[in-house]
Protein backbone atom coordinates (compact mmCIF):
# COMPACT_ATOMS: atom_id res chain seq x y z
CA MET A 1 -45.86 52.76 9.18
CA LYS A 2 -42.29 51.78 8.44
CA GLU A 3 -40.43 53.19 11.92
CA ASP A 4 -36.83 53.68 12.07
CA LEU A 5 -34.46 50.95 13.93
CA SER A 6 -30.57 51.47 13.73
CA CYS A 7 -30.83 53.68 16.44
CA VAL A 8 -32.67 51.25 18.61
CA PHE A 9 -29.13 49.52 20.20
CA GLU A 10 -25.90 52.13 20.15
CA TRP A 11 -22.20 50.43 20.92
CA HIS A 12 -20.52 52.11 25.20
CA ASP A 13 -17.10 50.44 25.50
CA GLY A 14 -17.04 48.67 28.24
CA ILE A 15 -14.22 47.74 31.15
CA LEU A 16 -11.79 45.48 29.39
CA VAL A 17 -11.84 48.25 26.22
CA GLU A 18 -11.15 51.38 29.06
CA ALA A 19 -8.42 49.16 30.99
CA MET A 20 -7.12 48.12 26.62
CA GLN A 21 -7.04 52.08 25.78
CA GLN A 22 -6.05 54.50 29.43
CA GLY A 23 -3.48 50.70 30.98
CA GLY A 24 -5.79 49.78 33.20
CA LEU A 25 -5.29 47.12 35.27
CA LEU A 26 -7.93 44.36 34.96
CA LEU A 27 -8.96 41.50 37.63
CA ILE A 28 -11.62 39.14 35.48
CA ASP A 29 -12.85 36.78 38.51
CA GLU A 30 -13.54 33.15 37.86
CA ILE A 31 -12.66 33.30 34.59
CA SER A 32 -13.66 29.50 33.49
CA LEU A 33 -17.27 30.71 34.50
CA ALA A 34 -17.00 33.09 31.15
CA ASN A 35 -18.80 31.86 28.17
CA ASP A 36 -17.23 29.74 25.90
CA SER A 37 -17.79 32.96 22.93
CA VAL A 38 -15.93 35.54 25.19
CA LEU A 39 -12.85 33.34 26.76
CA GLU A 40 -13.18 32.78 23.07
CA ARG A 41 -12.59 36.83 22.22
CA LEU A 42 -9.56 37.43 24.42
CA ASN A 43 -7.05 35.12 22.76
CA SER A 44 -6.48 37.74 20.93
CA VAL A 45 -5.65 40.20 23.39
CA PHE A 46 -3.29 37.68 25.28
CA GLU A 47 -1.34 37.23 22.17
CA ALA A 48 1.18 39.92 21.81
CA ASP A 49 -0.16 42.26 19.56
CA ARG A 50 -3.18 42.28 22.36
CA THR A 51 -4.97 43.44 19.77
CA LEU A 52 -9.10 43.20 19.83
CA VAL A 53 -11.46 43.32 16.36
CA ILE A 54 -14.90 45.02 17.78
CA SER A 55 -17.31 44.09 14.95
CA GLU A 56 -20.04 45.35 16.63
CA LYS A 57 -19.19 49.18 17.16
CA SER A 58 -20.67 50.30 13.87
CA SER A 59 -21.62 48.33 10.64
CA LYS A 60 -19.62 49.87 8.65
CA GLU A 61 -16.43 48.42 8.92
CA ALA A 62 -14.77 46.76 12.60
CA VAL A 63 -12.40 48.20 15.05
CA ARG A 64 -9.43 47.26 15.93
CA VAL A 65 -7.73 48.58 19.64
CA ILE A 66 -4.51 48.27 20.25
CA ALA A 67 -3.42 47.71 23.83
CA HIS A 68 -2.40 50.52 25.83
CA PRO A 69 1.56 49.46 26.71
CA ALA A 70 1.17 49.34 30.83
CA PHE A 71 -2.42 47.12 29.82
CA LYS A 72 -2.32 44.46 32.09
CA MET A 73 -5.41 42.75 32.81
CA VAL A 74 -5.43 39.47 35.81
CA CYS A 75 -7.00 36.38 36.49
CA THR A 76 -9.05 33.98 38.44
CA MET A 77 -10.53 30.47 38.86
CA ASN A 78 -10.86 28.01 40.86
CA PRO A 79 -10.08 24.44 39.96
CA SER A 80 -12.78 22.46 37.03
CA GLY A 81 -14.05 19.17 39.26
CA ASP A 82 -17.14 22.51 41.01
CA PHE A 83 -19.66 22.86 39.94
CA GLY A 84 -19.99 24.66 37.36
CA LYS A 85 -16.27 24.78 36.57
CA LYS A 86 -14.98 23.45 33.60
CA GLU A 87 -11.32 23.74 32.36
CA LEU A 88 -10.17 26.59 29.99
CA SER A 89 -9.30 25.48 27.06
CA PRO A 90 -5.50 24.58 25.95
CA ALA A 91 -5.60 27.78 24.03
CA LEU A 92 -6.87 30.66 26.50
CA ARG A 93 -4.27 28.97 29.11
CA ASN A 94 -0.90 28.58 27.55
CA ARG A 95 -1.19 33.18 26.53
CA MET A 96 -1.53 32.67 30.22
CA THR A 97 1.84 32.69 33.58
CA GLU A 98 -0.10 30.44 35.67
CA ILE A 99 0.26 30.86 39.86
CA TRP A 100 -1.24 27.70 41.13
CA VAL A 101 -2.00 28.86 45.24
CA GLU A 102 -3.04 26.54 48.31
CA SER A 103 -5.97 27.69 50.02
CA TYR A 104 -4.62 30.19 52.50
CA PHE A 105 -7.77 30.64 54.93
CA HIS A 106 -6.88 29.38 57.32
CA GLN A 107 -2.93 30.15 57.71
CA GLU A 108 -2.22 31.09 61.03
CA GLU A 109 0.30 33.33 59.13
CA LEU A 110 -1.48 35.11 56.59
CA VAL A 111 -4.64 36.06 59.25
CA ASP A 112 -1.88 37.26 61.97
CA ILE A 113 -0.24 39.72 58.87
CA TYR A 114 -3.35 40.77 57.83
CA ARG A 115 -5.07 41.42 61.36
CA GLN A 116 -2.41 44.55 62.26
CA ALA A 117 -2.99 45.80 58.71
CA PRO A 118 -4.22 49.02 59.03
CA CYS A 119 -7.13 49.61 56.82
CA GLY A 120 -6.22 46.06 55.30
CA VAL A 121 -3.94 47.54 53.65
CA LEU A 122 -0.29 46.10 53.98
CA ASN A 123 3.00 48.82 53.35
CA GLU A 124 5.14 46.19 53.24
CA VAL A 125 5.83 41.93 53.77
CA SER A 126 8.86 40.01 54.69
CA SER A 127 10.18 38.02 51.88
CA LYS A 128 9.97 35.03 54.33
CA VAL A 129 6.28 35.11 54.23
CA ASP A 130 6.05 32.29 51.26
CA LEU A 131 2.75 33.64 49.27
CA TYR A 132 4.28 37.28 49.29
CA MET A 133 7.55 35.12 48.34
CA ILE A 134 6.41 32.91 45.34
CA VAL A 135 4.30 36.22 44.58
CA GLU A 136 7.27 38.53 44.17
CA GLU A 137 8.93 35.56 42.50
CA THR A 138 6.46 35.30 39.77
CA ALA A 139 6.04 38.83 38.97
CA ARG A 140 9.70 39.27 39.21
CA ASP A 141 10.59 36.14 35.93
CA LYS A 142 7.17 36.54 34.15
CA LEU A 143 6.77 40.54 33.82
CA ARG A 144 10.13 41.41 33.89
CA LEU A 145 9.84 44.90 35.95
CA GLY A 146 13.43 46.46 37.20
CA GLN A 147 13.31 45.45 41.18
CA ASP A 148 11.10 48.65 43.10
CA ASP A 149 7.91 47.70 40.53
CA VAL A 150 8.35 43.86 41.40
CA LYS A 151 7.77 44.95 44.71
CA LYS A 152 5.47 46.54 43.45
CA VAL A 153 3.06 44.67 42.08
CA ALA A 154 4.52 41.63 44.05
CA LEU A 155 3.43 44.24 47.67
CA GLY A 156 -0.29 45.00 45.60
CA ILE A 157 -1.45 41.14 44.63
CA PHE A 158 -0.34 40.57 48.16
CA ASN A 159 -3.24 43.06 49.54
CA MET A 160 -5.41 42.01 46.35
CA ILE A 161 -5.45 38.60 48.40
CA GLY A 162 -6.41 39.65 50.98
CA PHE A 163 -8.61 41.93 50.46
CA ILE A 164 -10.49 38.57 48.52
CA ASN A 165 -8.83 35.92 51.25
CA PHE A 166 -10.14 38.14 54.89
CA GLU A 167 -11.93 41.06 54.34
CA LEU A 168 -14.67 40.03 51.27
CA ALA A 169 -14.92 36.54 52.33
CA SER A 170 -15.57 37.28 55.56
CA LYS A 171 -18.40 39.20 54.55
CA TYR A 172 -19.70 37.32 52.23
CA TYR A 173 -18.84 32.83 53.15
CA VAL A 174 -19.04 31.18 56.11
CA LEU A 175 -15.64 29.61 56.21
């Protein structure tokens, strides 16, 4: 008896496709640890037309996903040289804006700022705080947003950095 195996596998859109379609923010943490085949598939998402061609979804024709105008992607990585770390390909790196951030785990100013934040979320940060200034300047230069949106994006990124550094790191890593 011959089994019909055509329905054994069924495609389900993942977080990348959903974020692209819905205009969400996708965080890819430690992107340099991803398989090279995954990284190569991301190249087209970083291009000007921001598309992803999915040939796995249908046996008849490939599906082209075009990113919603509000779709954003943020990737993090540690420098290569650590165990298991590698460099991103020049093709992928050229499609990104790189921001080098020195370690802020022990910077007293940030420790004090985040200790005062209710629930770990800040509603405003002084532009005199060096990390916030770097984030705000980069958002202004690279995202081409209005001043109010720049401040919202910068505050969101600053809060995310604080959450990672002071919440997650203290729970999962010994500092």
